[in-house]
């Protein structure tokens, strides 16, 4: 099954829902997307902390960092 036909099937299923059910679905999807974004941000923070502890993070002013990157 192709991605488009699967998407079309989902859209058709959503159309079969009542307006209230569609609104509830929208709210649910928004909350799940927000949760995914929070999880991704948390994972990025953990990764940044690991890199910082390993000394892989440059610190300093913009000028100092640019000078360091040019070396």
C-alpha atoms as a PDB file:
ATOM      1  CA  UNK A   1       0.000   0.000   0.000  1.00  0.00           C
ATOM      2  CA  UNK A   2       1.455   3.339  -0.968  1.00  0.00           C
ATOM      3  CA  UNK A   3       1.753   6.211   1.468  1.00  0.00           C
ATOM      4  CA  UNK A   4      -0.749   8.306  -0.498  1.00  0.00           C
ATOM      5  CA  UNK A   5      -3.444   5.663  -0.533  1.00  0.00           C
ATOM      6  CA  UNK A   6      -2.935   5.107   3.186  1.00  0.00           C
ATOM      7  CA  UNK A   7      -3.235   8.840   3.761  1.00  0.00           C
ATOM      8  CA  UNK A   8      -6.365   8.947   1.618  1.00  0.00           C
ATOM      9  CA  UNK A   9      -7.852   6.134   3.680  1.00  0.00           C
ATOM     10  CA  UNK A  10      -7.167   8.031   6.875  1.00  0.00           C
ATOM     11  CA  UNK A  11      -8.785  11.151   5.444  1.00  0.00           C
ATOM     12  CA  UNK A  12     -11.840   9.199   4.407  1.00  0.00           C
ATOM     13  CA  UNK A  13     -12.084   7.700   7.882  1.00  0.00           C
ATOM     14  CA  UNK A  14     -11.835  11.148   9.444  1.00  0.00           C
ATOM     15  CA  UNK A  15     -14.583  12.409   7.165  1.00  0.00           C
ATOM     16  CA  UNK A  16     -16.828   9.653   8.511  1.00  0.00           C
ATOM     17  CA  UNK A  17     -16.438  11.004  12.052  1.00  0.00           C
ATOM     18  CA  UNK A  18     -18.815  13.521  13.550  1.00  0.00           C
ATOM     19  CA  UNK A  19     -17.657  17.129  13.892  1.00  0.00           C
ATOM     20  CA  UNK A  20     -17.153  16.620  17.635  1.00  0.00           C
ATOM     21  CA  UNK A  21     -15.076  13.515  17.001  1.00  0.00           C
ATOM     22  CA  UNK A  22     -13.013  15.343  14.390  1.00  0.00           C
ATOM     23  CA  UNK A  23     -12.340  18.173  16.844  1.00  0.00           C
ATOM     24  CA  UNK A  24     -11.372  15.660  19.540  1.00  0.00           C
ATOM     25  CA  UNK A  25      -9.041  13.974  17.059  1.00  0.00           C
ATOM     26  CA  UNK A  26      -7.426  17.309  16.184  1.00  0.00           C
ATOM     27  CA  UNK A  27      -6.856  18.043  19.881  1.00  0.00           C
ATOM     28  CA  UNK A  28      -5.396  14.582  20.426  1.00  0.00           C
ATOM     29  CA  UNK A  29      -3.032  14.898  17.475  1.00  0.00           C
ATOM     30  CA  UNK A  30      -1.911  18.375  18.599  1.00  0.00           C
ATOM     31  CA  UNK A  31      -1.160  17.076  22.095  1.00  0.00           C
ATOM     32  CA  UNK A  32       0.748  14.092  20.734  1.00  0.00           C
ATOM     33  CA  UNK A  33       2.785  16.301  18.407  1.00  0.00           C
ATOM     34  CA  UNK A  34       3.611  18.628  21.298  1.00  0.00           C
ATOM     35  CA  UNK A  35       4.701  15.614  23.351  1.00  0.00           C
ATOM     36  CA  UNK A  36       6.937  14.424  20.503  1.00  0.00           C
ATOM     37  CA  UNK A  37       8.494  17.890  20.271  1.00  0.00           C
ATOM     38  CA  UNK A  38       9.103  17.915  24.033  1.00  0.00           C
ATOM     39  CA  UNK A  39      10.696  14.468  23.818  1.00  0.00           C
ATOM     40  CA  UNK A  40      12.939  15.614  20.972  1.00  0.00           C
ATOM     41  CA  UNK A  41      13.977  18.722  22.899  1.00  0.00           C
ATOM     42  CA  UNK A  42      14.726  16.606  25.986  1.00  0.00           C
ATOM     43  CA  UNK A  43      16.834  14.222  23.870  1.00  0.00           C
ATOM     44  CA  UNK A  44      18.735  17.190  22.390  1.00  0.00           C
ATOM     45  CA  UNK A  45      19.414  18.496  25.899  1.00  0.00           C
ATOM     46  CA  UNK A  46      20.761  15.131  27.015  1.00  0.00           C
ATOM     47  CA  UNK A  47      22.958  14.927  23.916  1.00  0.00           C
ATOM     48  CA  UNK A  48      24.239  18.474  24.489  1.00  0.00           C
ATOM     49  CA  UNK A  49      25.071  17.625  28.100  1.00  0.00           C
ATOM     50  CA  UNK A  50      26.982  14.519  27.010  1.00  0.00           C
ATOM     51  CA  UNK A  51      28.918  16.533  24.431  1.00  0.00           C
ATOM     52  CA  UNK A  52      29.603  19.275  26.973  1.00  0.00           C
ATOM     53  CA  UNK A  53      30.915  16.752  29.512  1.00  0.00           C
ATOM     54  CA  UNK A  54      33.114  15.219  26.788  1.00  0.00           C
ATOM     55  CA  UNK A  55      34.559  18.638  25.985  1.00  0.00           C
ATOM     56  CA  UNK A  56      33.077  18.732  22.494  1.00  0.00           C
ATOM     57  CA  UNK A  57      31.350  22.090  22.995  1.00  0.00           C
ATOM     58  CA  UNK A  58      33.034  25.362  22.163  1.00  0.00           C
ATOM     59  CA  UNK A  59      32.604  28.123  24.714  1.00  0.00           C
ATOM     60  CA  UNK A  60      33.330  31.811  24.475  1.00  0.00           C
ATOM     61  CA  UNK A  61      32.210  34.929  22.715  1.00  0.00           C
ATOM     62  CA  UNK A  62      31.077  34.820  19.115  1.00  0.00           C
ATOM     63  CA  UNK A  63      34.419  36.238  18.031  1.00  0.00           C
ATOM     64  CA  UNK A  64      36.351  33.638  20.050  1.00  0.00           C
ATOM     65  CA  UNK A  65      34.282  30.783  18.637  1.00  0.00           C
ATOM     66  CA  UNK A  66      34.679  32.032  15.056  1.00  0.00           C
ATOM     67  CA  UNK A  67      38.430  32.368  15.585  1.00  0.00           C
ATOM     68  CA  UNK A  68      38.548  28.823  16.994  1.00  0.00           C
ATOM     69  CA  UNK A  69      36.578  27.432  14.047  1.00  0.00           C
ATOM     70  CA  UNK A  70      38.941  29.108  11.584  1.00  0.00           C
ATOM     71  CA  UNK A  71      41.974  27.284  13.036  1.00  0.00           C
END
